[in-house]
């Protein structure tokens, strides 16, 4: 199943302190880095150095707003391609099964049973 752009932006806006939008889009390493930057900045803000970390985090967070749409589109395209490849493999398997049935290697009931098993995986 693909990613939803609205969910991604809701995560970006409401759960940005946890980098939920990056993790949702499969960017785990940079999500952890952004998460650490925010929380280190928050923890050290009392010493004033934390505001530098939070400033970098804020800029990164704003840039993510513009990149988020392309991430979701890319993930959905990859998922669609993987599904189509899987469908092609299933069709090839059904064709091979039909060839076995035509050659007499399996009977019609076995052909239908195996075809149903393949189609249930789609």
N, C-alpha and C. Protein backbone atom coordinates (compact mmCIF):
# COMPACT_ATOMS: atom_id res chain seq x y z
N UNK A 1 0.84 -1.17 0.00
CA UNK A 1 0.00 0.00 0.00
C UNK A 1 0.89 1.23 0.00
N UNK A 2 0.46 2.22 -0.74
CA UNK A 2 1.24 3.44 -0.87
C UNK A 2 1.09 4.39 0.30
N UNK A 3 1.84 5.44 0.25
CA UNK A 3 1.78 6.48 1.28
C UNK A 3 0.77 7.54 0.88
N UNK A 4 0.17 8.16 1.86
CA UNK A 4 -0.81 9.22 1.65
C UNK A 4 -0.15 10.57 1.90
N UNK A 5 -0.28 11.48 0.97
CA UNK A 5 0.36 12.79 1.08
C UNK A 5 -0.21 13.59 2.26
N UNK A 6 -1.50 13.45 2.51
CA UNK A 6 -2.12 14.19 3.61
C UNK A 6 -1.60 13.71 4.97
N UNK A 7 -1.46 12.41 5.10
CA UNK A 7 -0.90 11.86 6.34
C UNK A 7 0.53 12.33 6.52
N UNK A 8 1.30 12.34 5.43
CA UNK A 8 2.68 12.78 5.51
C UNK A 8 2.77 14.23 6.00
N UNK A 9 1.92 15.10 5.48
CA UNK A 9 1.96 16.50 5.91
C UNK A 9 1.42 16.68 7.33
N UNK A 10 0.45 15.87 7.71
CA UNK A 10 -0.01 15.93 9.11
C UNK A 10 1.10 15.50 10.07
N UNK A 11 1.81 14.46 9.70
CA UNK A 11 2.94 14.03 10.53
C UNK A 11 4.02 15.11 10.56
N UNK A 12 4.27 15.74 9.40
CA UNK A 12 5.28 16.80 9.33
C UNK A 12 4.91 17.95 10.27
N UNK A 13 3.65 18.31 10.30
CA UNK A 13 3.24 19.47 11.09
C UNK A 13 3.10 19.15 12.57
N UNK A 14 2.43 18.05 12.89
CA UNK A 14 2.11 17.78 14.29
C UNK A 14 3.16 16.94 15.03
N UNK A 15 3.86 16.06 14.33
CA UNK A 15 4.82 15.18 15.00
C UNK A 15 6.24 15.41 14.50
N UNK A 16 6.54 16.63 14.15
CA UNK A 16 7.87 16.93 13.61
C UNK A 16 8.97 16.76 14.66
N UNK A 17 8.65 16.92 15.92
CA UNK A 17 9.65 16.74 16.98
C UNK A 17 10.12 15.29 17.04
N UNK A 18 9.33 14.37 16.47
CA UNK A 18 9.70 12.96 16.45
C UNK A 18 10.11 12.50 15.06
N UNK A 19 10.22 13.44 14.12
CA UNK A 19 10.59 13.16 12.72
C UNK A 19 9.70 12.08 12.12
N UNK A 20 8.45 12.08 12.49
CA UNK A 20 7.53 11.04 12.04
C UNK A 20 7.34 11.07 10.52
N UNK A 21 7.39 12.25 9.93
CA UNK A 21 7.20 12.36 8.48
C UNK A 21 8.35 11.71 7.72
N UNK A 22 9.57 11.83 8.22
CA UNK A 22 10.71 11.22 7.55
C UNK A 22 10.66 9.69 7.70
N UNK A 23 10.32 9.23 8.87
CA UNK A 23 10.23 7.78 9.09
C UNK A 23 9.09 7.20 8.26
N UNK A 24 7.97 7.92 8.15
CA UNK A 24 6.83 7.49 7.34
C UNK A 24 7.24 7.34 5.87
N UNK A 25 8.14 8.20 5.42
CA UNK A 25 8.58 8.16 4.02
C UNK A 25 9.80 7.27 3.82
N UNK A 26 10.21 6.54 4.84
CA UNK A 26 11.29 5.58 4.70
C UNK A 26 12.69 6.17 4.84
N UNK A 27 12.80 7.36 5.35
CA UNK A 27 14.11 8.00 5.53
C UNK A 27 14.50 7.88 7.01
N UNK A 28 14.86 6.67 7.39
CA UNK A 28 15.09 6.35 8.80
C UNK A 28 16.33 7.03 9.37
N UNK A 29 17.44 6.95 8.67
CA UNK A 29 18.68 7.51 9.18
C UNK A 29 18.59 9.03 9.35
N UNK A 30 18.11 9.71 8.32
CA UNK A 30 17.97 11.16 8.44
C UNK A 30 16.87 11.53 9.43
N UNK A 31 15.88 10.66 9.58
CA UNK A 31 14.84 10.89 10.59
C UNK A 31 15.41 10.83 12.00
N UNK A 32 16.26 9.86 12.24
CA UNK A 32 16.91 9.75 13.55
C UNK A 32 17.84 10.95 13.79
N UNK A 33 18.53 11.36 12.73
CA UNK A 33 19.42 12.52 12.87
C UNK A 33 18.62 13.79 13.17
N UNK A 34 17.51 13.97 12.49
CA UNK A 34 16.66 15.14 12.74
C UNK A 34 16.06 15.08 14.14
N UNK A 35 15.66 13.91 14.55
CA UNK A 35 15.13 13.69 15.89
C UNK A 35 16.17 14.06 16.94
N UNK A 36 17.38 13.60 16.76
CA UNK A 36 18.46 13.90 17.71
C UNK A 36 18.76 15.39 17.73
N UNK A 37 18.79 16.02 16.57
CA UNK A 37 19.07 17.45 16.50
C UNK A 37 18.03 18.26 17.28
N UNK A 38 16.76 17.90 17.13
CA UNK A 38 15.71 18.61 17.85
C UNK A 38 15.83 18.43 19.36
N UNK A 39 15.99 17.18 19.79
CA UNK A 39 15.99 16.92 21.23
C UNK A 39 17.27 17.38 21.91
N UNK A 40 18.40 17.31 21.21
CA UNK A 40 19.63 17.87 21.78
C UNK A 40 19.51 19.38 21.88
N UNK A 41 18.96 19.98 20.85
CA UNK A 41 18.72 21.42 20.89
C UNK A 41 17.77 21.82 22.00
N UNK A 42 16.72 21.07 22.18
CA UNK A 42 15.77 21.36 23.24
C UNK A 42 16.39 21.20 24.62
N UNK A 43 17.20 20.17 24.78
CA UNK A 43 17.82 19.91 26.08
C UNK A 43 18.90 20.93 26.42
N UNK A 44 19.57 21.46 25.42
CA UNK A 44 20.65 22.42 25.68
C UNK A 44 20.24 23.86 25.46
N UNK A 45 18.96 24.10 25.24
CA UNK A 45 18.49 25.47 25.02
C UNK A 45 18.70 26.33 26.25
N UNK A 46 18.71 25.75 27.41
CA UNK A 46 18.94 26.50 28.64
C UNK A 46 20.35 27.09 28.67
N UNK A 47 21.28 26.46 27.95
CA UNK A 47 22.66 26.95 27.89
C UNK A 47 22.89 27.85 26.67
N UNK A 48 21.83 28.17 25.96
CA UNK A 48 21.81 29.02 24.77
C UNK A 48 22.43 28.38 23.54
N UNK A 49 23.28 27.39 23.67
CA UNK A 49 23.82 26.72 22.49
C UNK A 49 22.76 25.89 21.80
N UNK A 50 21.76 25.51 22.54
CA UNK A 50 20.69 24.70 21.97
C UNK A 50 19.92 25.43 20.90
N UNK A 51 19.90 26.76 20.95
CA UNK A 51 19.19 27.51 19.93
C UNK A 51 19.85 27.39 18.56
N UNK A 52 21.14 27.14 18.54
CA UNK A 52 21.83 26.91 17.26
C UNK A 52 21.33 25.59 16.67
N UNK A 53 21.26 24.54 17.50
CA UNK A 53 20.74 23.26 17.04
C UNK A 53 19.29 23.39 16.58
N UNK A 54 18.50 24.11 17.36
CA UNK A 54 17.09 24.28 16.99
C UNK A 54 16.93 25.11 15.72
N UNK A 55 17.83 26.05 15.51
CA UNK A 55 17.80 26.84 14.28
C UNK A 55 18.07 25.97 13.06
N UNK A 56 19.09 25.12 13.16
CA UNK A 56 19.37 24.19 12.06
C UNK A 56 18.20 23.25 11.84
N UNK A 57 17.62 22.77 12.94
CA UNK A 57 16.48 21.87 12.84
C UNK A 57 15.31 22.57 12.15
N UNK A 58 15.05 23.82 12.51
CA UNK A 58 13.94 24.57 11.93
C UNK A 58 14.12 24.75 10.42
N UNK A 59 15.32 25.07 10.00
CA UNK A 59 15.58 25.22 8.56
C UNK A 59 15.36 23.88 7.86
N UNK A 60 15.88 22.81 8.45
CA UNK A 60 15.71 21.47 7.89
C UNK A 60 14.23 21.10 7.82
N UNK A 61 13.50 21.44 8.87
CA UNK A 61 12.06 21.14 8.93
C UNK A 61 11.31 21.88 7.83
N UNK A 62 11.65 23.13 7.59
CA UNK A 62 10.98 23.90 6.54
C UNK A 62 11.32 23.37 5.15
N UNK A 63 12.55 22.95 4.95
CA UNK A 63 12.94 22.36 3.66
C UNK A 63 12.15 21.07 3.41
N UNK A 64 11.94 20.31 4.48
CA UNK A 64 11.16 19.07 4.35
C UNK A 64 9.76 19.33 3.82
N UNK A 65 9.19 20.47 4.13
CA UNK A 65 7.84 20.79 3.66
C UNK A 65 7.79 20.80 2.14
N UNK A 66 8.87 21.24 1.50
CA UNK A 66 8.91 21.29 0.05
C UNK A 66 9.30 19.95 -0.57
N UNK A 67 10.02 19.13 0.15
CA UNK A 67 10.48 17.84 -0.37
C UNK A 67 9.51 16.70 -0.13
N UNK A 68 8.62 16.87 0.81
CA UNK A 68 7.74 15.79 1.26
C UNK A 68 6.89 15.23 0.12
N UNK A 69 6.36 16.09 -0.71
CA UNK A 69 5.50 15.64 -1.80
C UNK A 69 6.27 14.73 -2.75
N UNK A 70 7.49 15.10 -3.11
CA UNK A 70 8.27 14.27 -4.03
C UNK A 70 8.64 12.92 -3.41
N UNK A 71 8.87 12.89 -2.10
CA UNK A 71 9.17 11.62 -1.43
C UNK A 71 7.99 10.67 -1.54
N UNK A 72 6.79 11.19 -1.26
CA UNK A 72 5.59 10.35 -1.28
C UNK A 72 5.33 9.84 -2.70
N UNK A 73 5.49 10.72 -3.69
CA UNK A 73 5.28 10.30 -5.08
C UNK A 73 6.28 9.21 -5.46
N UNK A 74 7.53 9.37 -5.07
CA UNK A 74 8.56 8.39 -5.40
C UNK A 74 8.26 7.04 -4.74
N UNK A 75 7.89 7.05 -3.48
CA UNK A 75 7.56 5.80 -2.78
C UNK A 75 6.38 5.11 -3.44
N UNK A 76 5.35 5.88 -3.81
CA UNK A 76 4.18 5.29 -4.45
C UNK A 76 4.52 4.72 -5.82
N UNK A 77 5.40 5.38 -6.57
CA UNK A 77 5.82 4.86 -7.87
C UNK A 77 6.59 3.56 -7.70
N UNK A 78 7.47 3.50 -6.73
CA UNK A 78 8.23 2.28 -6.48
C UNK A 78 7.30 1.14 -6.08
N UNK A 79 6.34 1.42 -5.21
CA UNK A 79 5.38 0.38 -4.79
C UNK A 79 4.55 -0.12 -5.97
N UNK A 80 4.13 0.81 -6.86
CA UNK A 80 3.35 0.41 -8.03
C UNK A 80 4.18 -0.46 -8.97
N UNK A 81 5.45 -0.11 -9.13
CA UNK A 81 6.33 -0.90 -9.98
C UNK A 81 6.53 -2.30 -9.40
N UNK A 82 6.72 -2.39 -8.09
CA UNK A 82 6.89 -3.70 -7.46
C UNK A 82 5.63 -4.54 -7.60
N UNK A 83 4.45 -3.92 -7.47
CA UNK A 83 3.20 -4.66 -7.65
C UNK A 83 3.05 -5.16 -9.08
N UNK A 84 3.42 -4.32 -10.05
CA UNK A 84 3.28 -4.74 -11.45
C UNK A 84 4.25 -5.87 -11.77
N UNK A 85 5.45 -5.82 -11.21
CA UNK A 85 6.40 -6.91 -11.41
C UNK A 85 5.85 -8.20 -10.81
N UNK A 86 5.26 -8.09 -9.64
CA UNK A 86 4.66 -9.27 -8.99
C UNK A 86 3.51 -9.82 -9.82
N UNK A 87 2.69 -8.92 -10.38
CA UNK A 87 1.58 -9.37 -11.23
C UNK A 87 2.08 -10.08 -12.48
N UNK A 88 3.15 -9.56 -13.07
CA UNK A 88 3.72 -10.18 -14.27
C UNK A 88 4.23 -11.59 -13.93
N UNK A 89 4.90 -11.72 -12.78
CA UNK A 89 5.40 -13.04 -12.38
C UNK A 89 4.25 -14.01 -12.15
N UNK A 90 3.16 -13.52 -11.55
CA UNK A 90 2.00 -14.39 -11.33
C UNK A 90 1.39 -14.82 -12.65
N UNK A 91 1.30 -13.91 -13.61
CA UNK A 91 0.76 -14.27 -14.92
C UNK A 91 1.65 -15.29 -15.62
N UNK A 92 2.96 -15.13 -15.49
CA UNK A 92 3.88 -16.11 -16.08
C UNK A 92 3.69 -17.48 -15.44
N UNK A 93 3.48 -17.50 -14.13
CA UNK A 93 3.25 -18.78 -13.44
C UNK A 93 1.95 -19.43 -13.89
N UNK A 94 0.91 -18.63 -14.11
CA UNK A 94 -0.36 -19.17 -14.59
C UNK A 94 -0.19 -19.72 -16.01
N UNK A 95 0.58 -19.01 -16.84
CA UNK A 95 0.82 -19.52 -18.20
C UNK A 95 1.57 -20.85 -18.17
N UNK A 96 2.57 -20.97 -17.30
CA UNK A 96 3.30 -22.23 -17.17
C UNK A 96 2.38 -23.35 -16.69
N UNK A 97 1.51 -22.99 -15.75
CA UNK A 97 0.55 -23.97 -15.24
C UNK A 97 -0.40 -24.42 -16.35
N UNK A 98 -0.81 -23.49 -17.19
CA UNK A 98 -1.70 -23.85 -18.30
C UNK A 98 -0.99 -24.76 -19.30
N UNK A 99 0.27 -24.50 -19.52
CA UNK A 99 1.05 -25.36 -20.41
C UNK A 99 1.13 -26.79 -19.85
N UNK A 100 1.29 -26.89 -18.53
CA UNK A 100 1.29 -28.21 -17.91
C UNK A 100 -0.06 -28.91 -18.10
N UNK A 101 -1.13 -28.15 -17.97
CA UNK A 101 -2.46 -28.72 -18.17
C UNK A 101 -2.65 -29.16 -19.61
N UNK A 102 -2.22 -28.32 -20.56
CA UNK A 102 -2.36 -28.67 -21.98
C UNK A 102 -1.55 -29.90 -22.35
N UNK A 103 -0.39 -30.03 -21.74
CA UNK A 103 0.46 -31.19 -22.07
C UNK A 103 -0.02 -32.47 -21.37
N UNK A 104 -0.97 -32.35 -20.45
CA UNK A 104 -1.50 -33.52 -19.77
C UNK A 104 -0.77 -33.87 -18.49
N UNK A 105 0.17 -33.05 -18.07
CA UNK A 105 0.94 -33.34 -16.86
C UNK A 105 0.07 -33.21 -15.61
N UNK A 106 -0.92 -32.33 -15.65
CA UNK A 106 -1.85 -32.18 -14.53
C UNK A 106 -3.27 -32.17 -15.08
N UNK A 107 -4.23 -32.54 -14.23
CA UNK A 107 -5.62 -32.53 -14.67
C UNK A 107 -6.24 -31.15 -14.47
N UNK A 108 -7.48 -31.00 -14.94
CA UNK A 108 -8.14 -29.70 -14.91
C UNK A 108 -8.39 -29.21 -13.49
N UNK A 109 -8.76 -30.10 -12.58
CA UNK A 109 -9.01 -29.71 -11.20
C UNK A 109 -7.73 -29.20 -10.53
N UNK A 110 -6.62 -29.89 -10.81
CA UNK A 110 -5.34 -29.46 -10.26
C UNK A 110 -4.95 -28.10 -10.83
N UNK A 111 -5.20 -27.91 -12.12
CA UNK A 111 -4.91 -26.62 -12.76
C UNK A 111 -5.69 -25.50 -12.07
N UNK A 112 -6.98 -25.72 -11.87
CA UNK A 112 -7.82 -24.69 -11.23
C UNK A 112 -7.38 -24.43 -9.79
N UNK A 113 -7.04 -25.50 -9.07
CA UNK A 113 -6.62 -25.33 -7.68
C UNK A 113 -5.33 -24.52 -7.60
N UNK A 114 -4.35 -24.85 -8.42
CA UNK A 114 -3.07 -24.13 -8.41
C UNK A 114 -3.25 -22.69 -8.89
N UNK A 115 -4.14 -22.49 -9.86
CA UNK A 115 -4.39 -21.13 -10.37
C UNK A 115 -5.02 -20.28 -9.27
N UNK A 116 -5.94 -20.85 -8.52
CA UNK A 116 -6.55 -20.11 -7.40
C UNK A 116 -5.53 -19.73 -6.36
N UNK A 117 -4.59 -20.62 -6.09
CA UNK A 117 -3.53 -20.33 -5.12
C UNK A 117 -2.68 -19.16 -5.60
N UNK A 118 -2.32 -19.16 -6.88
CA UNK A 118 -1.52 -18.06 -7.43
C UNK A 118 -2.31 -16.76 -7.40
N UNK A 119 -3.58 -16.81 -7.75
CA UNK A 119 -4.39 -15.58 -7.79
C UNK A 119 -4.68 -15.02 -6.41
N UNK A 120 -4.68 -15.86 -5.40
CA UNK A 120 -4.89 -15.36 -4.04
C UNK A 120 -3.69 -14.56 -3.56
N UNK A 121 -2.51 -14.79 -4.14
CA UNK A 121 -1.31 -14.03 -3.76
C UNK A 121 -1.28 -12.65 -4.38
N UNK A 122 -2.16 -12.38 -5.34
CA UNK A 122 -2.16 -11.06 -6.00
C UNK A 122 -2.74 -10.02 -5.10
